């Protein structure tokens, strides 16, 4: 099934989604890369950060979503439509960035090992993936989608991403590139959200994307209505009306020597 992205909905939490990208890129030690690649550039709003940091580099951007590529091009980013599984670093590819993409790819561990091994000497690989699959936002959504009320309409359910731990990725990358410096960690960001269904709004643009693609508009609205009170109970607002949404992310940065 080909899934579509809604760039407007995705960017509704721009400030929150940008922070992990900035934290990730801040750990890259490249000084004068020849080519910088943004794999899964989305609407292209963060690709400009790479171009600004390394103005002399050739910056390439790609995404597998036609909607996201179109949005990136409208923003002035020369993005191409491509699948990350088809990518291999070239001899001049000194920086590879993949932000919040690889959790959608079941075989991403194999990709990471291949990319690490193919980097030129002095190259950098930087990856960030959400690690929130065990959080209430995701378990509640999976349970609802798998319930009798929805199972017939959504036979594939809502799969867990299979994101590993920082130690797992550190071991994988260290074996793939034994001459490299490896830096892996995790951070749980606490996002202050507002609105009637703030967590539902957040996951509607990301986690629930396969569900949205499988449902007609009326069914999608009904599912959102079923989900909202469950999420509201798990993430009640405080006395000021703020909903505090914890979101775990896993980071891996490799510098090839």
C-alpha atoms as a PDB file:
ATOM      1  CA  UNK A   1       0.000   0.000   0.000  1.00  0.00           C
ATOM      2  CA  UNK A   2       1.354   3.416  -0.995  1.00  0.00           C
ATOM      3  CA  UNK A   3       0.898   5.880   1.834  1.00  0.00           C
ATOM      4  CA  UNK A   4       0.483   9.608   1.399  1.00  0.00           C
ATOM      5  CA  UNK A   5       1.719  12.364   3.676  1.00  0.00           C
ATOM      6  CA  UNK A   6      -0.010  15.624   4.531  1.00  0.00           C
ATOM      7  CA  UNK A   7       2.773  18.272   4.707  1.00  0.00           C
ATOM      8  CA  UNK A   8       0.469  20.827   6.365  1.00  0.00           C
ATOM      9  CA  UNK A   9      -0.591  18.431   9.118  1.00  0.00           C
ATOM     10  CA  UNK A  10       2.989  17.235   9.599  1.00  0.00           C
ATOM     11  CA  UNK A  11       4.289  20.794  10.040  1.00  0.00           C
ATOM     12  CA  UNK A  12       1.629  21.693  12.590  1.00  0.00           C
ATOM     13  CA  UNK A  13       4.158  20.784  15.324  1.00  0.00           C
ATOM     14  CA  UNK A  14       7.159  22.261  13.539  1.00  0.00           C
ATOM     15  CA  UNK A  15       8.990  23.571  16.595  1.00  0.00           C
ATOM     16  CA  UNK A  16       8.749  20.250  18.407  1.00  0.00           C
ATOM     17  CA  UNK A  17       9.716  18.157  15.387  1.00  0.00           C
ATOM     18  CA  UNK A  18      12.671  20.419  14.527  1.00  0.00           C
ATOM     19  CA  UNK A  19      14.413  20.162  17.885  1.00  0.00           C
ATOM     20  CA  UNK A  20      15.569  16.517  17.538  1.00  0.00           C
ATOM     21  CA  UNK A  21      16.897  17.321  14.056  1.00  0.00           C
ATOM     22  CA  UNK A  22      18.939  20.214  15.438  1.00  0.00           C
ATOM     23  CA  UNK A  23      20.212  18.075  18.312  1.00  0.00           C
ATOM     24  CA  UNK A  24      21.209  15.381  15.831  1.00  0.00           C
ATOM     25  CA  UNK A  25      22.990  17.667  13.386  1.00  0.00           C
ATOM     26  CA  UNK A  26      24.772  19.372  16.254  1.00  0.00           C
ATOM     27  CA  UNK A  27      26.722  16.155  16.876  1.00  0.00           C
ATOM     28  CA  UNK A  28      28.113  15.954  13.337  1.00  0.00           C
ATOM     29  CA  UNK A  29      31.767  16.956  13.283  1.00  0.00           C
ATOM     30  CA  UNK A  30      32.226  17.508   9.535  1.00  0.00           C
ATOM     31  CA  UNK A  31      33.904  20.824   8.745  1.00  0.00           C
ATOM     32  CA  UNK A  32      33.955  21.028   4.952  1.00  0.00           C
ATOM     33  CA  UNK A  33      31.909  18.185   3.444  1.00  0.00           C
ATOM     34  CA  UNK A  34      31.716  17.837  -0.315  1.00  0.00           C
ATOM     35  CA  UNK A  35      28.201  16.374  -0.409  1.00  0.00           C
ATOM     36  CA  UNK A  36      25.493  16.388   2.263  1.00  0.00           C
ATOM     37  CA  UNK A  37      22.461  14.137   1.819  1.00  0.00           C
ATOM     38  CA  UNK A  38      19.117  14.604   3.580  1.00  0.00           C
ATOM     39  CA  UNK A  39      17.287  11.270   3.350  1.00  0.00           C
ATOM     40  CA  UNK A  40      13.574  11.684   4.017  1.00  0.00           C
ATOM     41  CA  UNK A  41      13.595  15.462   3.789  1.00  0.00           C
ATOM     42  CA  UNK A  42       9.834  15.814   4.253  1.00  0.00           C
ATOM     43  CA  UNK A  43       8.600  19.288   3.267  1.00  0.00           C
ATOM     44  CA  UNK A  44      12.206  20.484   3.085  1.00  0.00           C
ATOM     45  CA  UNK A  45      12.001  23.018   5.883  1.00  0.00           C
ATOM     46  CA  UNK A  46      14.990  21.513   7.709  1.00  0.00           C
ATOM     47  CA  UNK A  47      17.159  20.861   4.659  1.00  0.00           C
ATOM     48  CA  UNK A  48      17.988  24.547   4.729  1.00  0.00           C
ATOM     49  CA  UNK A  49      19.686  24.040   8.099  1.00  0.00           C
ATOM     50  CA  UNK A  50      22.171  21.742   6.383  1.00  0.00           C
ATOM     51  CA  UNK A  51      22.752  24.180   3.539  1.00  0.00           C
ATOM     52  CA  UNK A  52      23.311  27.030   5.975  1.00  0.00           C
ATOM     53  CA  UNK A  53      25.794  25.074   8.064  1.00  0.00           C
ATOM     54  CA  UNK A  54      27.794  23.862   5.061  1.00  0.00           C
ATOM     55  CA  UNK A  55      27.257  26.521   2.366  1.00  0.00           C
ATOM     56  CA  UNK A  56      30.043  25.170   0.140  1.00  0.00           C
ATOM     57  CA  UNK A  57      28.654  21.623   0.066  1.00  0.00           C
ATOM     58  CA  UNK A  58      26.363  20.126  -2.518  1.00  0.00           C
ATOM     59  CA  UNK A  59      23.151  19.399  -0.610  1.00  0.00           C
ATOM     60  CA  UNK A  60      20.903  16.614  -1.906  1.00  0.00           C
ATOM     61  CA  UNK A  61      17.418  15.983  -0.548  1.00  0.00           C
ATOM     62  CA  UNK A  62      14.988  13.152  -1.188  1.00  0.00           C
ATOM     63  CA  UNK A  63      11.752  11.689   0.103  1.00  0.00           C
ATOM     64  CA  UNK A  64       9.547   8.747  -0.858  1.00  0.00           C
ATOM     65  CA  UNK A  65       6.350  10.814  -0.614  1.00  0.00           C
ATOM     66  CA  UNK A  66       5.286  12.742  -3.740  1.00  0.00           C
ATOM     67  CA  UNK A  67       3.359  15.157  -1.511  1.00  0.00           C
ATOM     68  CA  UNK A  68       6.425  15.907   0.598  1.00  0.00           C
ATOM     69  CA  UNK A  69       8.683  16.271  -2.443  1.00  0.00           C
ATOM     70  CA  UNK A  70       6.202  18.717  -3.975  1.00  0.00           C
ATOM     71  CA  UNK A  71       6.094  20.727  -0.740  1.00  0.00           C
ATOM     72  CA  UNK A  72       9.902  20.778  -0.545  1.00  0.00           C
ATOM     73  CA  UNK A  73      10.186  21.989  -4.122  1.00  0.00           C
ATOM     74  CA  UNK A  74       7.646  24.727  -3.427  1.00  0.00           C
ATOM     75  CA  UNK A  75       9.903  25.776  -0.543  1.00  0.00           C
ATOM     76  CA  UNK A  76      12.869  26.045  -2.915  1.00  0.00           C
ATOM     77  CA  UNK A  77      14.521  22.710  -2.112  1.00  0.00           C
ATOM     78  CA  UNK A  78      15.591  20.680  -5.137  1.00  0.00           C
ATOM     79  CA  UNK A  79      14.211  17.442  -3.710  1.00  0.00           C
ATOM     80  CA  UNK A  80      13.936  14.177  -5.602  1.00  0.00           C
ATOM     81  CA  UNK A  81      11.484  11.317  -5.232  1.00  0.00           C
ATOM     82  CA  UNK A  82      13.444   8.313  -3.960  1.00  0.00           C
ATOM     83  CA  UNK A  83      13.285   5.415  -1.515  1.00  0.00           C
ATOM     84  CA  UNK A  84      15.936   5.365   1.217  1.00  0.00           C
ATOM     85  CA  UNK A  85      16.378   1.643   0.592  1.00  0.00           C
ATOM     86  CA  UNK A  86      17.874   2.454  -2.803  1.00  0.00           C
ATOM     87  CA  UNK A  87      20.459   4.885  -1.448  1.00  0.00           C
ATOM     88  CA  UNK A  88      24.184   4.203  -1.229  1.00  0.00           C
ATOM     89  CA  UNK A  89      26.748   6.858  -0.214  1.00  0.00           C
ATOM     90  CA  UNK A  90      28.945   7.949  -3.087  1.00  0.00           C
ATOM     91  CA  UNK A  91      32.701   8.595  -2.917  1.00  0.00           C
ATOM     92  CA  UNK A  92      32.054  12.295  -2.172  1.00  0.00           C
ATOM     93  CA  UNK A  93      29.165  11.785   0.278  1.00  0.00           C
ATOM     94  CA  UNK A  94      30.677  13.122   3.472  1.00  0.00           C
ATOM     95  CA  UNK A  95      27.466  13.620   5.486  1.00  0.00           C
ATOM     96  CA  UNK A  96      24.309  11.476   5.482  1.00  0.00           C
ATOM     97  CA  UNK A  97      21.370  12.621   7.615  1.00  0.00           C
ATOM     98  CA  UNK A  98      18.181  10.622   8.126  1.00  0.00           C
ATOM     99  CA  UNK A  99      15.758  12.224  10.551  1.00  0.00           C
ATOM    100  CA  UNK A 100      12.569  10.423  11.692  1.00  0.00           C
ATOM    101  CA  UNK A 101      12.485   8.134   8.657  1.00  0.00           C
ATOM    102  CA  UNK A 102      14.025   4.725   9.302  1.00  0.00           C
ATOM    103  CA  UNK A 103      11.415   3.543  11.796  1.00  0.00           C
ATOM    104  CA  UNK A 104       9.151   3.101   8.756  1.00  0.00           C
ATOM    105  CA  UNK A 105      11.675   0.678   7.217  1.00  0.00           C
ATOM    106  CA  UNK A 106      11.707  -2.801   8.838  1.00  0.00           C
ATOM    107  CA  UNK A 107      15.150  -3.611   7.390  1.00  0.00           C
ATOM    108  CA  UNK A 108      16.708  -0.314   8.511  1.00  0.00           C
ATOM    109  CA  UNK A 109      19.424  -2.094  10.497  1.00  0.00           C
ATOM    110  CA  UNK A 110      20.780  -3.578   7.285  1.00  0.00           C
ATOM    111  CA  UNK A 111      20.662  -0.149   5.668  1.00  0.00           C
ATOM    112  CA  UNK A 112      22.615   1.441   8.511  1.00  0.00           C
ATOM    113  CA  UNK A 113      25.323  -1.195   8.297  1.00  0.00           C
ATOM    114  CA  UNK A 114      25.580  -0.783   4.525  1.00  0.00           C
ATOM    115  CA  UNK A 115      25.684   3.014   4.669  1.00  0.00           C
ATOM    116  CA  UNK A 116      28.307   3.000   7.409  1.00  0.00           C
ATOM    117  CA  UNK A 117      30.535   0.640   5.460  1.00  0.00           C
ATOM    118  CA  UNK A 118      30.203   2.697   2.268  1.00  0.00           C
ATOM    119  CA  UNK A 119      31.039   6.107   3.762  1.00  0.00           C
ATOM    120  CA  UNK A 120      34.297   7.650   2.565  1.00  0.00           C
ATOM    121  CA  UNK A 121      37.062   8.281   5.062  1.00  0.00           C
ATOM    122  CA  UNK A 122      36.054  11.236   7.211  1.00  0.00           C
ATOM    123  CA  UNK A 123      32.365  10.773   6.421  1.00  0.00           C
ATOM    124  CA  UNK A 124      29.505  11.114   8.902  1.00  0.00           C
ATOM    125  CA  UNK A 125      26.215   9.261   9.298  1.00  0.00           C
ATOM    126  CA  UNK A 126      23.546  10.757  11.573  1.00  0.00           C
ATOM    127  CA  UNK A 127      20.183   9.122  12.258  1.00  0.00           C
ATOM    128  CA  UNK A 128      17.244   9.872  14.544  1.00  0.00           C
ATOM    129  CA  UNK A 129      14.205   7.618  14.959  1.00  0.00           C
ATOM    130  CA  UNK A 130      11.164   7.916  17.228  1.00  0.00           C
ATOM    131  CA  UNK A 131      11.201   5.265  19.936  1.00  0.00           C
ATOM    132  CA  UNK A 132       7.708   5.793  21.264  1.00  0.00           C
ATOM    133  CA  UNK A 133       6.067   2.524  20.268  1.00  0.00           C
ATOM    134  CA  UNK A 134       5.595   1.424  23.902  1.00  0.00           C
ATOM    135  CA  UNK A 135       4.079   4.749  25.009  1.00  0.00           C
ATOM    136  CA  UNK A 136       0.330   5.113  25.738  1.00  0.00           C
ATOM    137  CA  UNK A 137      -0.202   7.172  22.567  1.00  0.00           C
ATOM    138  CA  UNK A 138       0.909   4.272  20.427  1.00  0.00           C
ATOM    139  CA  UNK A 139      -0.356   1.294  22.429  1.00  0.00           C
ATOM    140  CA  UNK A 140      -3.828   2.834  22.743  1.00  0.00           C
ATOM    141  CA  UNK A 141      -3.958   3.461  18.994  1.00  0.00           C
ATOM    142  CA  UNK A 142      -2.782  -0.081  18.193  1.00  0.00           C
ATOM    143  CA  UNK A 143      -5.313  -1.619  20.571  1.00  0.00           C
ATOM    144  CA  UNK A 144      -8.175   0.395  19.097  1.00  0.00           C
ATOM    145  CA  UNK A 145      -7.231  -0.442  15.517  1.00  0.00           C
ATOM    146  CA  UNK A 146      -7.043  -4.146  16.457  1.00  0.00           C
ATOM    147  CA  UNK A 147     -10.395  -4.117  18.280  1.00  0.00           C
ATOM    148  CA  UNK A 148     -13.484  -5.834  16.890  1.00  0.00           C
ATOM    149  CA  UNK A 149     -14.938  -2.468  15.910  1.00  0.00           C
ATOM    150  CA  UNK A 150     -12.109  -1.767  13.468  1.00  0.00           C
ATOM    151  CA  UNK A 151     -10.292  -5.010  12.718  1.00  0.00           C
ATOM    152  CA  UNK A 152     -12.368  -5.778   9.633  1.00  0.00           C
ATOM    153  CA  UNK A 153     -11.732  -2.371   8.118  1.00  0.00           C
ATOM    154  CA  UNK A 154      -8.014  -2.402   8.933  1.00  0.00           C
ATOM    155  CA  UNK A 155      -6.808  -5.961   8.357  1.00  0.00           C
ATOM    156  CA  UNK A 156      -3.140  -4.992   8.529  1.00  0.00           C
ATOM    157  CA  UNK A 157      -3.549  -3.351  11.926  1.00  0.00           C
ATOM    158  CA  UNK A 158      -1.005  -0.802  13.105  1.00  0.00           C
ATOM    159  CA  UNK A 159       2.416  -2.404  13.350  1.00  0.00           C
ATOM    160  CA  UNK A 160       5.033  -1.506  15.928  1.00  0.00           C
ATOM    161  CA  UNK A 161       8.112   0.064  14.417  1.00  0.00           C
ATOM    162  CA  UNK A 162      10.757  -2.215  15.885  1.00  0.00           C
ATOM    163  CA  UNK A 163      13.110   0.583  16.914  1.00  0.00           C
ATOM    164  CA  UNK A 164      16.083  -0.647  18.912  1.00  0.00           C
ATOM    165  CA  UNK A 165      18.011   0.738  21.866  1.00  0.00           C
ATOM    166  CA  UNK A 166      20.971   3.096  21.614  1.00  0.00           C
ATOM    167  CA  UNK A 167      23.270   0.241  22.657  1.00  0.00           C
ATOM    168  CA  UNK A 168      21.951  -1.973  19.868  1.00  0.00           C
ATOM    169  CA  UNK A 169      22.651   0.678  17.240  1.00  0.00           C
ATOM    170  CA  UNK A 170      26.045   1.442  18.747  1.00  0.00           C
ATOM    171  CA  UNK A 171      27.079  -2.199  18.521  1.00  0.00           C
ATOM    172  CA  UNK A 172      25.728  -2.507  14.977  1.00  0.00           C
ATOM    173  CA  UNK A 173      27.574   0.568  13.699  1.00  0.00           C
ATOM    174  CA  UNK A 174      30.800  -0.261  15.500  1.00  0.00           C
ATOM    175  CA  UNK A 175      30.889  -3.650  13.801  1.00  0.00           C
ATOM    176  CA  UNK A 176      29.940  -2.239  10.412  1.00  0.00           C
ATOM    177  CA  UNK A 177      32.700   0.367  10.532  1.00  0.00           C
ATOM    178  CA  UNK A 178      35.448  -0.596  12.936  1.00  0.00           C
ATOM    179  CA  UNK A 179      37.508   2.527  12.283  1.00  0.00           C
ATOM    180  CA  UNK A 180      34.650   4.844  13.288  1.00  0.00           C
ATOM    181  CA  UNK A 181      33.686   6.936  16.286  1.00  0.00           C
ATOM    182  CA  UNK A 182      30.141   5.995  17.336  1.00  0.00           C
ATOM    183  CA  UNK A 183      27.859   8.129  19.490  1.00  0.00           C
ATOM    184  CA  UNK A 184      24.370   6.799  20.350  1.00  0.00           C
ATOM    185  CA  UNK A 185      21.872   8.062  22.897  1.00  0.00           C
ATOM    186  CA  UNK A 186      18.194   8.590  23.601  1.00  0.00           C
ATOM    187  CA  UNK A 187      16.202  11.611  24.732  1.00  0.00           C
ATOM    188  CA  UNK A 188      12.608  11.916  25.887  1.00  0.00           C
ATOM    189  CA  UNK A 189      11.276  15.326  24.917  1.00  0.00           C
ATOM    190  CA  UNK A 190       8.379  16.676  26.944  1.00  0.00           C
ATOM    191  CA  UNK A 191       6.172  18.674  24.579  1.00  0.00           C
ATOM    192  CA  UNK A 192       3.561  21.098  25.931  1.00  0.00           C
ATOM    193  CA  UNK A 193       0.494  20.709  23.708  1.00  0.00           C
ATOM    194  CA  UNK A 194      -2.882  22.422  23.663  1.00  0.00           C
ATOM    195  CA  UNK A 195      -6.270  21.902  22.053  1.00  0.00           C
ATOM    196  CA  UNK A 196      -9.177  19.499  22.389  1.00  0.00           C
ATOM    197  CA  UNK A 197      -7.285  16.416  21.122  1.00  0.00           C
ATOM    198  CA  UNK A 198      -3.608  17.404  21.109  1.00  0.00           C
ATOM    199  CA  UNK A 199      -2.018  13.944  21.195  1.00  0.00           C
ATOM    200  CA  UNK A 200      -4.442  12.656  18.583  1.00  0.00           C
ATOM    201  CA  UNK A 201      -3.550  15.602  16.380  1.00  0.00           C
ATOM    202  CA  UNK A 202       0.140  14.813  16.783  1.00  0.00           C
ATOM    203  CA  UNK A 203      -0.067  11.134  15.879  1.00  0.00           C
ATOM    204  CA  UNK A 204      -2.588  11.758  13.082  1.00  0.00           C
ATOM    205  CA  UNK A 205       0.209  13.246  11.003  1.00  0.00           C
ATOM    206  CA  UNK A 206       2.686  10.431  11.626  1.00  0.00           C
ATOM    207  CA  UNK A 207       1.829   7.189  13.435  1.00  0.00           C
ATOM    208  CA  UNK A 208      -1.736   6.980  12.137  1.00  0.00           C
ATOM    209  CA  UNK A 209      -0.782   7.645   8.536  1.00  0.00           C
ATOM    210  CA  UNK A 210      -1.337   3.996   7.425  1.00  0.00           C
ATOM    211  CA  UNK A 211      -4.743   4.046   9.122  1.00  0.00           C
ATOM    212  CA  UNK A 212      -5.729   7.292   7.410  1.00  0.00           C
ATOM    213  CA  UNK A 213      -4.755   5.844   4.036  1.00  0.00           C
ATOM    214  CA  UNK A 214      -7.042   2.835   4.559  1.00  0.00           C
ATOM    215  CA  UNK A 215     -10.163   4.705   5.657  1.00  0.00           C
ATOM    216  CA  UNK A 216     -12.723   6.881   3.954  1.00  0.00           C
ATOM    217  CA  UNK A 217     -13.120  10.394   5.360  1.00  0.00           C
ATOM    218  CA  UNK A 218     -16.183   9.566   7.468  1.00  0.00           C
ATOM    219  CA  UNK A 219     -14.560   6.448   8.942  1.00  0.00           C
ATOM    220  CA  UNK A 220     -11.378   8.382   9.692  1.00  0.00           C
ATOM    221  CA  UNK A 221     -13.331  11.000  11.622  1.00  0.00           C
ATOM    222  CA  UNK A 222     -15.161   8.280  13.548  1.00  0.00           C
ATOM    223  CA  UNK A 223     -11.912   6.567  14.485  1.00  0.00           C
ATOM    224  CA  UNK A 224     -10.473   9.877  15.645  1.00  0.00           C
ATOM    225  CA  UNK A 225     -13.601  10.392  17.747  1.00  0.00           C
ATOM    226  CA  UNK A 226     -13.192   6.909  19.272  1.00  0.00           C
ATOM    227  CA  UNK A 227      -9.532   7.511  19.986  1.00  0.00           C
ATOM    228  CA  UNK A 228      -9.737  11.023  21.457  1.00  0.00           C
ATOM    229  CA  UNK A 229     -11.238  10.171  24.903  1.00  0.00           C
ATOM    230  CA  UNK A 230      -8.804   7.289  25.346  1.00  0.00           C
ATOM    231  CA  UNK A 231      -5.850   9.550  24.653  1.00  0.00           C
ATOM    232  CA  UNK A 232      -7.370  12.264  26.816  1.00  0.00           C
ATOM    233  CA  UNK A 233      -7.532   9.874  29.768  1.00  0.00           C
ATOM    234  CA  UNK A 234      -3.897   8.832  29.275  1.00  0.00           C
ATOM    235  CA  UNK A 235      -2.689  12.410  28.802  1.00  0.00           C
ATOM    236  CA  UNK A 236      -4.910  14.663  30.930  1.00  0.00           C
ATOM    237  CA  UNK A 237      -4.223  18.406  30.748  1.00  0.00           C
ATOM    238  CA  UNK A 238      -2.909  20.214  33.789  1.00  0.00           C
ATOM    239  CA  UNK A 239      -4.767  22.993  35.583  1.00  0.00           C
ATOM    240  CA  UNK A 240      -3.545  25.505  33.001  1.00  0.00           C
ATOM    241  CA  UNK A 241      -4.896  23.413  30.126  1.00  0.00           C
ATOM    242  CA  UNK A 242      -1.510  22.134  28.945  1.00  0.00           C
ATOM    243  CA  UNK A 243      -1.084  18.517  27.885  1.00  0.00           C
ATOM    244  CA  UNK A 244       2.451  17.259  28.502  1.00  0.00           C
ATOM    245  CA  UNK A 245       3.368  14.744  25.834  1.00  0.00           C
ATOM    246  CA  UNK A 246       6.539  12.727  26.380  1.00  0.00           C
ATOM    247  CA  UNK A 247       8.178  11.558  23.164  1.00  0.00           C
ATOM    248  CA  UNK A 248      11.234   9.291  23.192  1.00  0.00           C
ATOM    249  CA  UNK A 249      13.728   9.490  20.337  1.00  0.00           C
ATOM    250  CA  UNK A 250      16.819   7.420  19.614  1.00  0.00           C
ATOM    251  CA  UNK A 251      19.941   8.929  18.014  1.00  0.00           C
ATOM    252  CA  UNK A 252      22.952   7.381  16.317  1.00  0.00           C
ATOM    253  CA  UNK A 253      25.926   9.297  14.910  1.00  0.00           C
ATOM    254  CA  UNK A 254      28.953   7.709  13.267  1.00  0.00           C
ATOM    255  CA  UNK A 255      32.125   9.465  12.207  1.00  0.00           C
ATOM    256  CA  UNK A 256      34.253   7.364   9.853  1.00  0.00           C
ATOM    257  CA  UNK A 257      38.008   7.644  10.208  1.00  0.00           C
END
